[in-house]
Amino acid sequence: MLRKTFWLAGALALTLAACDDDDDDLVTPPGTTSVTILLTDAPGDILDAVVTIDQAFVQGTGVSRVDLLDAPVTVNLTDLANTTSELLSGAEVTNGTYSDLRLVISGAFVEVENEDGSSTIFASSPDYSGLPEGATVGGELTLPADAASGSLVDFAEDLALDGGSVSLLADFNVSQSFTDGGTGAWTLQPVLRGAAAGDAATVTVTLALGADVTLPEGVTLAGFTADLGGERLAFAEVGGTFTAAFSFVLPGTYALSLIGPAGLTLTTDPALPVDVVVGAAGAVTQAVTITAATPAP
């Protein structure tokens, strides 16, 4: 399996939970909502993608900005494939309608694989605190020019907080957020989408060989990777079926393609890429059959 580009597959999940009014020690002050933020990501083809989040805040018309994070948090997004990690818990937010959820990223590095199998680290600073001990920085990672104002998590609608319990999910798309400038440097421009956590879906892609189709010696279906809108996941055999299961997928339409071993020309049913439509709180399965596999000329 390719280790990722970085669904934080990058997604972020926020749980806005009101405390129990019957417990005097845990009562949420009137007119506020208690906020917990979880981070998640999906697999891709970047080896490591580490970010330090200095601030997380919400703001809106007629309501004051509310800072949610007490101290900086450094997280390796590639460790969060199809799972979550808590960013903050229990921040009190005044009820109201907020148009923006923003994350301020103060530092980052990305490690990418080279054609010869080695890897190179690109960092926002040679002495960035999130670097592994003894790491050698081979190039620069440029942060957004407006980093101080925070990167917007793009929700289809404003966040209406009324003291109830609400869960939100944000997708930090690593493959789109980290880009190679082609000049020995990389750029981080976070691409973040959000939706209600309850609307998140799962997409399962199954892969099979058609009748009378054989793969070259030494090649199996485990050597193939599904690409769903830029998020990549290798196929694994589950109960006799090769599957790639994507979790925490936000509603939308995603192009599905297949990445096979080098040197193979493939035809499939359906012909790829194919659009996969993901609805709210759904479980989508897309079957792909390899109908021909021939060595490339």
C-alpha atoms as a PDB file:
ATOM      1  CA  MET A   1       0.000   0.000   0.000  1.00  0.00           C
ATOM      2  CA  LEU A   2       1.309   3.434  -0.811  1.00  0.00           C
ATOM      3  CA  ARG A   3       1.788   5.264   2.455  1.00  0.00           C
ATOM      4  CA  LYS A   4      -0.049   8.446   1.519  1.00  0.00           C
ATOM      5  CA  THR A   5      -0.010  11.823   0.258  1.00  0.00           C
ATOM      6  CA  PHE A   6      -1.320  13.242   3.104  1.00  0.00           C
ATOM      7  CA  TRP A   7      -7.558  12.685   3.828  1.00  0.00           C
ATOM      8  CA  LEU A   8      -6.380  14.443   7.218  1.00  0.00           C
ATOM      9  CA  ALA A   9      -7.450  11.882   3.925  1.00  0.00           C
ATOM     10  CA  GLY A  10      -6.659  14.383   5.478  1.00  0.00           C
ATOM     11  CA  ALA A  11     -10.486  15.027   7.747  1.00  0.00           C
ATOM     12  CA  LEU A  12     -11.167  16.879  10.957  1.00  0.00           C
ATOM     13  CA  ALA A  13     -14.153  15.879  13.059  1.00  0.00           C
ATOM     14  CA  LEU A  14     -15.582  18.336  15.548  1.00  0.00           C
ATOM     15  CA  THR A  15     -17.889  17.105  18.278  1.00  0.00           C
ATOM     16  CA  LEU A  16     -19.930  19.905  19.750  1.00  0.00           C
ATOM     17  CA  ALA A  17     -21.399  18.384  22.897  1.00  0.00           C
ATOM     18  CA  ALA A  18     -23.443  20.130  25.551  1.00  0.00           C
ATOM     19  CA  CYS A  19     -22.696  19.059  29.146  1.00  0.00           C
ATOM     20  CA  ASP A  20     -25.330  17.455  31.370  1.00  0.00           C
ATOM     21  CA  ASP A  21     -27.393  20.203  32.990  1.00  0.00           C
ATOM     22  CA  ASP A  22     -28.154  17.914  35.941  1.00  0.00           C
ATOM     23  CA  ASP A  23     -24.498  17.658  36.963  1.00  0.00           C
ATOM     24  CA  ASP A  24     -23.475  20.840  38.783  1.00  0.00           C
ATOM     25  CA  ASP A  25     -19.783  20.079  38.249  1.00  0.00           C
ATOM     26  CA  LEU A  26     -20.179  19.645  34.498  1.00  0.00           C
ATOM     27  CA  VAL A  27     -22.816  22.225  33.665  1.00  0.00           C
ATOM     28  CA  THR A  28     -22.071  24.106  30.450  1.00  0.00           C
ATOM     29  CA  PRO A  29     -22.606  27.838  31.032  1.00  0.00           C
ATOM     30  CA  PRO A  30     -25.895  29.032  29.512  1.00  0.00           C
ATOM     31  CA  GLY A  31     -25.569  30.014  25.900  1.00  0.00           C
ATOM     32  CA  THR A  32     -22.445  28.003  25.093  1.00  0.00           C
ATOM     33  CA  THR A  33     -21.510  24.771  23.354  1.00  0.00           C
ATOM     34  CA  SER A  34     -18.606  22.531  24.378  1.00  0.00           C
ATOM     35  CA  VAL A  35     -16.358  21.798  21.397  1.00  0.00           C
ATOM     36  CA  THR A  36     -14.063  18.834  20.738  1.00  0.00           C
ATOM     37  CA  ILE A  37     -12.057  18.558  17.526  1.00  0.00           C
ATOM     38  CA  LEU A  38     -10.767  15.291  16.105  1.00  0.00           C
ATOM     39  CA  LEU A  39      -8.354  14.929  13.191  1.00  0.00           C
ATOM     40  CA  THR A  40      -8.435  12.243  10.530  1.00  0.00           C
ATOM     41  CA  ASP A  41      -6.819  11.611   7.155  1.00  0.00           C
ATOM     42  CA  ALA A  42      -6.943   9.157   4.279  1.00  0.00           C
ATOM     43  CA  PRO A  43      -4.123   7.312   2.558  1.00  0.00           C
ATOM     44  CA  GLY A  44      -2.143   8.610  -0.396  1.00  0.00           C
ATOM     45  CA  ASP A  45       1.399   8.445  -1.746  1.00  0.00           C
ATOM     46  CA  ILE A  46       3.366  10.867   0.479  1.00  0.00           C
ATOM     47  CA  LEU A  47       5.506   9.130   3.087  1.00  0.00           C
ATOM     48  CA  ASP A  48       5.004  11.641   5.901  1.00  0.00           C
ATOM     49  CA  ALA A  49       3.101  14.907   6.243  1.00  0.00           C
ATOM     50  CA  VAL A  50       3.489  16.665   9.594  1.00  0.00           C
ATOM     51  CA  VAL A  51       1.827  19.936  10.566  1.00  0.00           C
ATOM     52  CA  THR A  52       1.857  22.079  13.693  1.00  0.00           C
ATOM     53  CA  ILE A  53      -1.486  23.734  14.373  1.00  0.00           C
ATOM     54  CA  ASP A  54      -1.004  26.821  16.544  1.00  0.00           C
ATOM     55  CA  GLN A  55      -4.580  28.031  16.617  1.00  0.00           C
ATOM     56  CA  ALA A  56      -8.091  26.838  15.851  1.00  0.00           C
ATOM     57  CA  PHE A  57     -10.925  29.324  15.986  1.00  0.00           C
ATOM     58  CA  VAL A  58     -14.450  30.093  14.847  1.00  0.00           C
ATOM     59  CA  GLN A  59     -15.795  33.492  13.875  1.00  0.00           C
ATOM     60  CA  GLY A  60     -18.913  34.947  12.302  1.00  0.00           C
ATOM     61  CA  THR A  61     -21.177  37.919  11.787  1.00  0.00           C
ATOM     62  CA  GLY A  62     -22.545  39.274  15.052  1.00  0.00           C
ATOM     63  CA  VAL A  63     -20.473  36.872  17.176  1.00  0.00           C
ATOM     64  CA  SER A  64     -16.961  37.330  18.475  1.00  0.00           C
ATOM     65  CA  ARG A  65     -14.051  35.158  17.420  1.00  0.00           C
ATOM     66  CA  VAL A  66     -13.635  32.200  19.772  1.00  0.00           C
ATOM     67  CA  ASP A  67     -10.222  30.558  20.105  1.00  0.00           C
ATOM     68  CA  LEU A  68     -10.438  26.810  20.670  1.00  0.00           C
ATOM     69  CA  LEU A  69      -6.856  25.645  21.112  1.00  0.00           C
ATOM     70  CA  ASP A  70      -4.877  26.191  24.338  1.00  0.00           C
ATOM     71  CA  ALA A  71      -1.473  25.101  23.019  1.00  0.00           C
ATOM     72  CA  PRO A  72       0.076  24.126  19.659  1.00  0.00           C
ATOM     73  CA  VAL A  73      -0.485  20.554  18.476  1.00  0.00           C
ATOM     74  CA  THR A  74       1.843  18.700  16.089  1.00  0.00           C
ATOM     75  CA  VAL A  75       0.422  15.734  14.227  1.00  0.00           C
ATOM     76  CA  ASN A  76       1.631  13.370  11.509  1.00  0.00           C
ATOM     77  CA  LEU A  77      -1.341  13.201   9.214  1.00  0.00           C
ATOM     78  CA  THR A  78      -0.141   9.994   7.585  1.00  0.00           C
ATOM     79  CA  ASP A  79      -0.724   8.151  10.868  1.00  0.00           C
ATOM     80  CA  LEU A  80      -4.436   8.923  10.711  1.00  0.00           C
ATOM     81  CA  ALA A  81      -5.556   6.804   7.740  1.00  0.00           C
ATOM     82  CA  ASN A  82      -9.221   5.921   8.315  1.00  0.00           C
ATOM     83  CA  THR A  83      -9.007   6.854  12.009  1.00  0.00           C
ATOM     84  CA  THR A  84      -9.062   9.981  14.177  1.00  0.00           C
ATOM     85  CA  SER A  85      -6.949  11.781  16.756  1.00  0.00           C
ATOM     86  CA  GLU A  86      -8.127  14.382  19.245  1.00  0.00           C
ATOM     87  CA  LEU A  87      -6.922  17.915  18.606  1.00  0.00           C
ATOM     88  CA  LEU A  88      -8.761  19.630  21.468  1.00  0.00           C
ATOM     89  CA  SER A  89     -11.566  18.900  23.889  1.00  0.00           C
ATOM     90  CA  GLY A  90     -14.109  20.892  25.865  1.00  0.00           C
ATOM     91  CA  ALA A  91     -13.579  24.386  24.436  1.00  0.00           C
ATOM     92  CA  GLU A  92     -16.558  26.609  25.278  1.00  0.00           C
ATOM     93  CA  VAL A  93     -18.108  28.464  22.345  1.00  0.00           C
ATOM     94  CA  THR A  94     -20.826  31.099  22.679  1.00  0.00           C
ATOM     95  CA  ASN A  95     -23.938  29.996  20.843  1.00  0.00           C
ATOM     96  CA  GLY A  96     -24.500  31.687  17.509  1.00  0.00           C
ATOM     97  CA  THR A  97     -23.934  31.289  13.790  1.00  0.00           C
ATOM     98  CA  TYR A  98     -20.326  31.029  12.650  1.00  0.00           C
ATOM     99  CA  SER A  99     -19.302  31.362   9.027  1.00  0.00           C
ATOM    100  CA  ASP A 100     -15.676  30.344   9.536  1.00  0.00           C
ATOM    101  CA  LEU A 101     -13.730  27.562  11.186  1.00  0.00           C
ATOM    102  CA  ARG A 102     -10.031  28.246  10.655  1.00  0.00           C
ATOM    103  CA  LEU A 103      -6.772  26.479  11.500  1.00  0.00           C
ATOM    104  CA  VAL A 104      -3.486  28.358  11.794  1.00  0.00           C
ATOM    105  CA  ILE A 105      -0.523  26.207  10.720  1.00  0.00           C
ATOM    106  CA  SER A 106       2.822  27.542  11.937  1.00  0.00           C
ATOM    107  CA  GLY A 107       5.137  24.844  10.617  1.00  0.00           C
ATOM    108  CA  ALA A 108       5.184  21.641   8.584  1.00  0.00           C
ATOM    109  CA  PHE A 109       7.270  19.133   6.695  1.00  0.00           C
ATOM    110  CA  VAL A 110       6.591  16.589   3.996  1.00  0.00           C
ATOM    111  CA  GLU A 111       8.679  13.530   3.126  1.00  0.00           C
ATOM    112  CA  VAL A 112       8.388  12.226  -0.421  1.00  0.00           C
ATOM    113  CA  GLU A 113       9.803   9.205  -2.190  1.00  0.00           C
ATOM    114  CA  ASN A 114      12.289   9.698  -5.019  1.00  0.00           C
ATOM    115  CA  GLU A 115      12.458   7.621  -8.198  1.00  0.00           C
ATOM    116  CA  ASP A 116      15.495   5.721  -6.908  1.00  0.00           C
ATOM    117  CA  GLY A 117      13.655   4.640  -3.757  1.00  0.00           C
ATOM    118  CA  SER A 118      15.287   7.187  -1.460  1.00  0.00           C
ATOM    119  CA  SER A 119      13.285   9.995   0.152  1.00  0.00           C
ATOM    120  CA  THR A 120      13.629  13.748   0.620  1.00  0.00           C
ATOM    121  CA  ILE A 121      12.269  15.975   3.389  1.00  0.00           C
ATOM    122  CA  PHE A 122      10.930  19.427   2.563  1.00  0.00           C
ATOM    123  CA  ALA A 123      10.357  21.610   5.644  1.00  0.00           C
ATOM    124  CA  SER A 124       9.046  25.054   6.459  1.00  0.00           C
ATOM    125  CA  SER A 125      12.304  25.656   8.354  1.00  0.00           C
ATOM    126  CA  PRO A 126      15.558  23.668   8.739  1.00  0.00           C
ATOM    127  CA  ASP A 127      14.999  23.765  12.500  1.00  0.00           C
ATOM    128  CA  TYR A 128      11.242  23.133  12.473  1.00  0.00           C
ATOM    129  CA  SER A 129      10.433  21.512  15.816  1.00  0.00           C
ATOM    130  CA  GLY A 130       8.294  18.785  14.247  1.00  0.00           C
ATOM    131  CA  LEU A 131      11.206  17.235  12.322  1.00  0.00           C
ATOM    132  CA  PRO A 132      12.418  13.785  13.384  1.00  0.00           C
ATOM    133  CA  GLU A 133      15.615  13.758  15.388  1.00  0.00           C
ATOM    134  CA  GLY A 134      18.609  13.808  13.072  1.00  0.00           C
ATOM    135  CA  ALA A 135      16.534  14.518   9.974  1.00  0.00           C
ATOM    136  CA  THR A 136      18.230  16.120   6.971  1.00  0.00           C
ATOM    137  CA  VAL A 137      16.148  18.761   5.205  1.00  0.00           C
ATOM    138  CA  GLY A 138      16.613  18.583   1.452  1.00  0.00           C
ATOM    139  CA  GLY A 139      14.386  21.465   0.387  1.00  0.00           C
ATOM    140  CA  GLU A 140      11.934  24.147   1.399  1.00  0.00           C
ATOM    141  CA  LEU A 141       8.219  23.767   2.111  1.00  0.00           C
ATOM    142  CA  THR A 142       6.502  27.117   1.668  1.00  0.00           C
ATOM    143  CA  LEU A 143       3.582  27.886   3.970  1.00  0.00           C
ATOM    144  CA  PRO A 144       0.591  29.942   2.762  1.00  0.00           C
ATOM    145  CA  ALA A 145       1.299  33.666   2.491  1.00  0.00           C
ATOM    146  CA  ASP A 146      -1.781  34.325   4.648  1.00  0.00           C
ATOM    147  CA  ALA A 147      -0.963  31.599   7.192  1.00  0.00           C
ATOM    148  CA  ALA A 148      -1.494  33.954  10.146  1.00  0.00           C
ATOM    149  CA  SER A 149      -5.173  34.414   9.259  1.00  0.00           C
ATOM    150  CA  GLY A 150      -5.760  30.661   9.227  1.00  0.00           C
ATOM    151  CA  SER A 151      -6.848  28.140   6.618  1.00  0.00           C
ATOM    152  CA  LEU A 152     -10.596  27.957   6.093  1.00  0.00           C
ATOM    153  CA  VAL A 153     -12.486  24.692   6.566  1.00  0.00           C
ATOM    154  CA  ASP A 154     -15.054  24.928   3.785  1.00  0.00           C
ATOM    155  CA  PHE A 155     -18.570  23.991   4.931  1.00  0.00           C
ATOM    156  CA  ALA A 156     -21.584  24.146   2.622  1.00  0.00           C
ATOM    157  CA  GLU A 157     -23.510  26.021   5.316  1.00  0.00           C
ATOM    158  CA  ASP A 158     -22.656  28.193   8.310  1.00  0.00           C
ATOM    159  CA  LEU A 159     -22.141  26.505  11.674  1.00  0.00           C
ATOM    160  CA  ALA A 160     -25.193  27.136  13.865  1.00  0.00           C
ATOM    161  CA  LEU A 161     -24.364  26.369  17.523  1.00  0.00           C
ATOM    162  CA  ASP A 162     -27.316  26.314  19.913  1.00  0.00           C
ATOM    163  CA  GLY A 163     -26.072  24.347  22.906  1.00  0.00           C
ATOM    164  CA  GLY A 164     -27.101  20.975  21.557  1.00  0.00           C
ATOM    165  CA  SER A 165     -24.814  18.162  20.418  1.00  0.00           C
ATOM    166  CA  VAL A 166     -23.345  18.459  16.923  1.00  0.00           C
ATOM    167  CA  SER A 167     -20.535  16.586  15.198  1.00  0.00           C
ATOM    168  CA  LEU A 168     -18.683  18.037  12.234  1.00  0.00           C
ATOM    169  CA  LEU A 169     -16.154  16.471   9.921  1.00  0.00           C
ATOM    170  CA  ALA A 170     -13.455  18.285   7.966  1.00  0.00           C
ATOM    171  CA  ASP A 171     -11.356  16.709   5.237  1.00  0.00           C
ATOM    172  CA  PHE A 172      -7.740  17.901   4.996  1.00  0.00           C
ATOM    173  CA  ASN A 173      -6.904  16.748   1.498  1.00  0.00           C
ATOM    174  CA  VAL A 174      -3.176  16.084   1.586  1.00  0.00           C
ATOM    175  CA  SER A 175      -2.738  15.209  -2.067  1.00  0.00           C
ATOM    176  CA  GLN A 176      -4.186  18.575  -3.071  1.00  0.00           C
ATOM    177  CA  SER A 177      -2.679  20.549  -0.190  1.00  0.00           C
ATOM    178  CA  PHE A 178       0.995  19.618  -0.683  1.00  0.00           C
ATOM    179  CA  THR A 179       2.281  20.322  -4.168  1.00  0.00           C
ATOM    180  CA  ASP A 180       5.641  20.021  -5.874  1.00  0.00           C
ATOM    181  CA  GLY A 181       6.784  23.331  -7.307  1.00  0.00           C
ATOM    182  CA  GLY A 182       9.200  21.549  -9.634  1.00  0.00           C
ATOM    183  CA  THR A 183      12.107  23.736  -8.525  1.00  0.00           C
ATOM    184  CA  GLY A 184      13.366  21.736  -5.567  1.00  0.00           C
ATOM    185  CA  ALA A 185      10.673  23.123  -3.277  1.00  0.00           C
ATOM    186  CA  TRP A 186       7.171  22.169  -2.170  1.00  0.00           C
ATOM    187  CA  THR A 187       4.177  24.326  -1.219  1.00  0.00           C
ATOM    188  CA  LEU A 188       1.501  23.842   1.422  1.00  0.00           C
ATOM    189  CA  GLN A 189      -1.859  25.405   0.587  1.00  0.00           C
ATOM    190  CA  PRO A 190      -4.376  23.557   2.785  1.00  0.00           C
ATOM    191  CA  VAL A 191      -7.530  22.283   1.100  1.00  0.00           C
ATOM    192  CA  LEU A 192     -10.105  21.642   3.816  1.00  0.00           C
ATOM    193  CA  ARG A 193     -13.755  20.620   3.382  1.00  0.00           C
ATOM    194  CA  GLY A 194     -16.311  20.109   6.106  1.00  0.00           C
ATOM    195  CA  ALA A 195     -19.707  18.504   6.678  1.00  0.00           C
ATOM    196  CA  ALA A 196     -21.772  17.046   9.489  1.00  0.00           C
ATOM    197  CA  ALA A 197     -19.974  13.968  10.816  1.00  0.00           C
ATOM    198  CA  GLY A 198     -23.211  12.022  10.536  1.00  0.00           C
ATOM    199  CA  ASP A 199     -23.185  12.702   6.807  1.00  0.00           C
ATOM    200  CA  ALA A 200     -19.803  11.017   6.308  1.00  0.00           C
ATOM    201  CA  ALA A 201     -19.933   7.901   4.177  1.00  0.00           C
ATOM    202  CA  THR A 202     -17.855   4.834   3.398  1.00  0.00           C
ATOM    203  CA  VAL A 203     -16.837   3.853  -0.116  1.00  0.00           C
ATOM    204  CA  THR A 204     -15.763   0.266  -0.767  1.00  0.00           C
ATOM    205  CA  VAL A 205     -14.125  -0.562  -4.088  1.00  0.00           C
ATOM    206  CA  THR A 206     -13.920  -4.235  -5.077  1.00  0.00           C
ATOM    207  CA  LEU A 207     -11.514  -5.551  -7.710  1.00  0.00           C
ATOM    208  CA  ALA A 208     -11.750  -8.832  -9.615  1.00  0.00           C
ATOM    209  CA  LEU A 209     -10.378 -10.517 -12.724  1.00  0.00           C
ATOM    210  CA  GLY A 210     -12.720 -11.221 -15.586  1.00  0.00           C
ATOM    211  CA  ALA A 211     -13.183 -14.681 -17.045  1.00  0.00           C
ATOM    212  CA  ASP A 212     -10.049 -16.014 -18.745  1.00  0.00           C
ATOM    213  CA  VAL A 213      -7.978 -12.998 -17.630  1.00  0.00           C
ATOM    214  CA  THR A 214      -4.593 -13.796 -16.124  1.00  0.00           C
ATOM    215  CA  LEU A 215      -1.995 -11.456 -14.704  1.00  0.00           C
ATOM    216  CA  PRO A 216       1.733 -11.723 -15.458  1.00  0.00           C
ATOM    217  CA  GLU A 217       3.761 -13.995 -13.219  1.00  0.00           C
ATOM    218  CA  GLY A 218       4.379 -12.434  -9.830  1.00  0.00           C
ATOM    219  CA  VAL A 219       1.564  -9.873 -10.168  1.00  0.00           C
ATOM    220  CA  THR A 220      -1.549 -10.152  -7.972  1.00  0.00           C
ATOM    221  CA  LEU A 221      -4.524  -7.902  -7.288  1.00  0.00           C
ATOM    222  CA  ALA A 222      -2.749  -6.842  -4.095  1.00  0.00           C
ATOM    223  CA  GLY A 223      -0.406  -4.872  -6.350  1.00  0.00           C
ATOM    224  CA  PHE A 224      -3.211  -2.527  -7.441  1.00  0.00           C
ATOM    225  CA  THR A 225      -4.315   0.722  -5.811  1.00  0.00           C
ATOM    226  CA  ALA A 226      -7.658   2.545  -5.922  1.00  0.00           C
ATOM    227  CA  ASP A 227      -7.587   6.315  -6.395  1.00  0.00           C
ATOM    228  CA  LEU A 228     -10.753   8.042  -5.177  1.00  0.00           C
ATOM    229  CA  GLY A 229     -10.598  11.759  -5.862  1.00  0.00           C
ATOM    230  CA  GLY A 230      -6.862  11.823  -5.193  1.00  0.00           C
ATOM    231  CA  GLU A 231      -6.977   9.649  -2.075  1.00  0.00           C
ATOM    232  CA  ARG A 232      -5.222   6.327  -2.599  1.00  0.00           C
ATOM    233  CA  LEU A 233      -5.665   2.959  -0.936  1.00  0.00           C
ATOM    234  CA  ALA A 234      -4.150  -0.386  -1.856  1.00  0.00           C
ATOM    235  CA  PHE A 235      -6.376  -3.412  -2.322  1.00  0.00           C
ATOM    236  CA  ALA A 236      -6.333  -6.089   0.355  1.00  0.00           C
ATOM    237  CA  GLU A 237      -8.014  -9.486   0.332  1.00  0.00           C
ATOM    238  CA  VAL A 238     -10.962  -9.630   2.716  1.00  0.00           C
ATOM    239  CA  GLY A 239     -13.059 -12.789   2.777  1.00  0.00           C
ATOM    240  CA  GLY A 240     -11.768 -13.810  -0.626  1.00  0.00           C
ATOM    241  CA  THR A 241     -12.524 -10.439  -2.248  1.00  0.00           C
ATOM    242  CA  PHE A 242      -9.946  -7.737  -2.950  1.00  0.00           C
ATOM    243  CA  THR A 243     -11.249  -4.470  -1.503  1.00  0.00           C
ATOM    244  CA  ALA A 244     -10.155  -0.911  -0.835  1.00  0.00           C
ATOM    245  CA  ALA A 245     -12.380   0.645   1.854  1.00  0.00           C
ATOM    246  CA  PHE A 246     -12.378   4.440   2.244  1.00  0.00           C
ATOM    247  CA  SER A 247     -13.792   5.828   5.503  1.00  0.00           C
ATOM    248  CA  PHE A 248     -14.983   9.347   6.434  1.00  0.00           C
ATOM    249  CA  VAL A 249     -15.830  10.304   2.842  1.00  0.00           C
ATOM    250  CA  LEU A 250     -17.752  13.577   2.609  1.00  0.00           C
ATOM    251  CA  PRO A 251     -20.814  13.802   0.339  1.00  0.00           C
ATOM    252  CA  GLY A 252     -19.911  14.621  -3.249  1.00  0.00           C
ATOM    253  CA  THR A 253     -18.853  13.144  -6.576  1.00  0.00           C
ATOM    254  CA  TYR A 254     -15.405  11.542  -6.838  1.00  0.00           C
ATOM    255  CA  ALA A 255     -13.490  10.203  -9.830  1.00  0.00           C
ATOM    256  CA  LEU A 256     -12.399   6.606  -9.278  1.00  0.00           C
ATOM    257  CA  SER A 257      -9.369   5.264 -11.127  1.00  0.00           C
ATOM    258  CA  LEU A 258      -7.075   2.260 -10.833  1.00  0.00           C
ATOM    259  CA  ILE A 259      -3.304   2.304 -10.470  1.00  0.00           C
ATOM    260  CA  GLY A 260      -1.648  -0.949 -11.494  1.00  0.00           C
ATOM    261  CA  PRO A 261       1.907  -2.270 -11.589  1.00  0.00           C
ATOM    262  CA  ALA A 262       4.202  -0.575 -14.074  1.00  0.00           C
ATOM    263  CA  GLY A 263       4.290  -2.094 -17.534  1.00  0.00           C
ATOM    264  CA  LEU A 264       0.666  -3.242 -17.717  1.00  0.00           C
ATOM    265  CA  THR A 265      -2.034  -1.970 -20.053  1.00  0.00           C
ATOM    266  CA  LEU A 266      -5.485  -2.540 -18.567  1.00  0.00           C
ATOM    267  CA  THR A 267      -9.085  -2.456 -19.664  1.00  0.00           C
ATOM    268  CA  THR A 268     -11.834  -2.544 -17.080  1.00  0.00           C
ATOM    269  CA  ASP A 269     -15.568  -2.781 -16.631  1.00  0.00           C
ATOM    270  CA  PRO A 270     -16.712  -0.115 -16.038  1.00  0.00           C
ATOM    271  CA  ALA A 271     -14.239   1.916 -18.059  1.00  0.00           C
ATOM    272  CA  LEU A 272     -12.169   4.101 -15.744  1.00  0.00           C
ATOM    273  CA  PRO A 273     -12.153   6.763 -14.504  1.00  0.00           C
ATOM    274  CA  VAL A 274     -15.768   6.515 -13.372  1.00  0.00           C
ATOM    275  CA  ASP A 275     -17.657   8.964 -11.159  1.00  0.00           C
ATOM    276  CA  VAL A 276     -18.723   7.660  -7.750  1.00  0.00           C
ATOM    277  CA  VAL A 277     -21.593   9.636  -6.234  1.00  0.00           C
ATOM    278  CA  VAL A 278     -21.510   9.677  -2.434  1.00  0.00           C
ATOM    279  CA  GLY A 279     -24.623  10.703  -0.521  1.00  0.00           C
ATOM    280  CA  ALA A 280     -24.997  11.689   3.113  1.00  0.00           C
ATOM    281  CA  ALA A 281     -24.448   8.889   5.632  1.00  0.00           C
ATOM    282  CA  GLY A 282     -24.196   6.371   2.842  1.00  0.00           C
ATOM    283  CA  ALA A 283     -22.299   3.161   2.215  1.00  0.00           C
ATOM    284  CA  VAL A 284     -21.310   2.949  -1.440  1.00  0.00           C
ATOM    285  CA  THR A 285     -19.788  -0.076  -3.162  1.00  0.00           C
ATOM    286  CA  GLN A 286     -18.219   0.157  -6.618  1.00  0.00           C
ATOM    287  CA  ALA A 287     -17.165  -3.062  -8.341  1.00  0.00           C
ATOM    288  CA  VAL A 288     -14.351  -2.982 -10.895  1.00  0.00           C
ATOM    289  CA  THR A 289     -13.480  -5.945 -13.104  1.00  0.00           C
ATOM    290  CA  ILE A 290     -10.231  -6.200 -15.065  1.00  0.00           C
ATOM    291  CA  THR A 291     -11.247  -7.438 -18.520  1.00  0.00           C
ATOM    292  CA  ALA A 292      -7.774  -7.429 -20.058  1.00  0.00           C
ATOM    293  CA  ALA A 293      -4.212  -7.023 -18.806  1.00  0.00           C
ATOM    294  CA  THR A 294      -1.394  -6.996 -21.314  1.00  0.00           C
ATOM    295  CA  PRO A 295       2.251  -5.943 -21.031  1.00  0.00           C
ATOM    296  CA  ALA A 296       2.737  -2.435 -22.387  1.00  0.00           C
ATOM    297  CA  PRO A 297       4.646  -2.329 -25.683  1.00  0.00           C
END
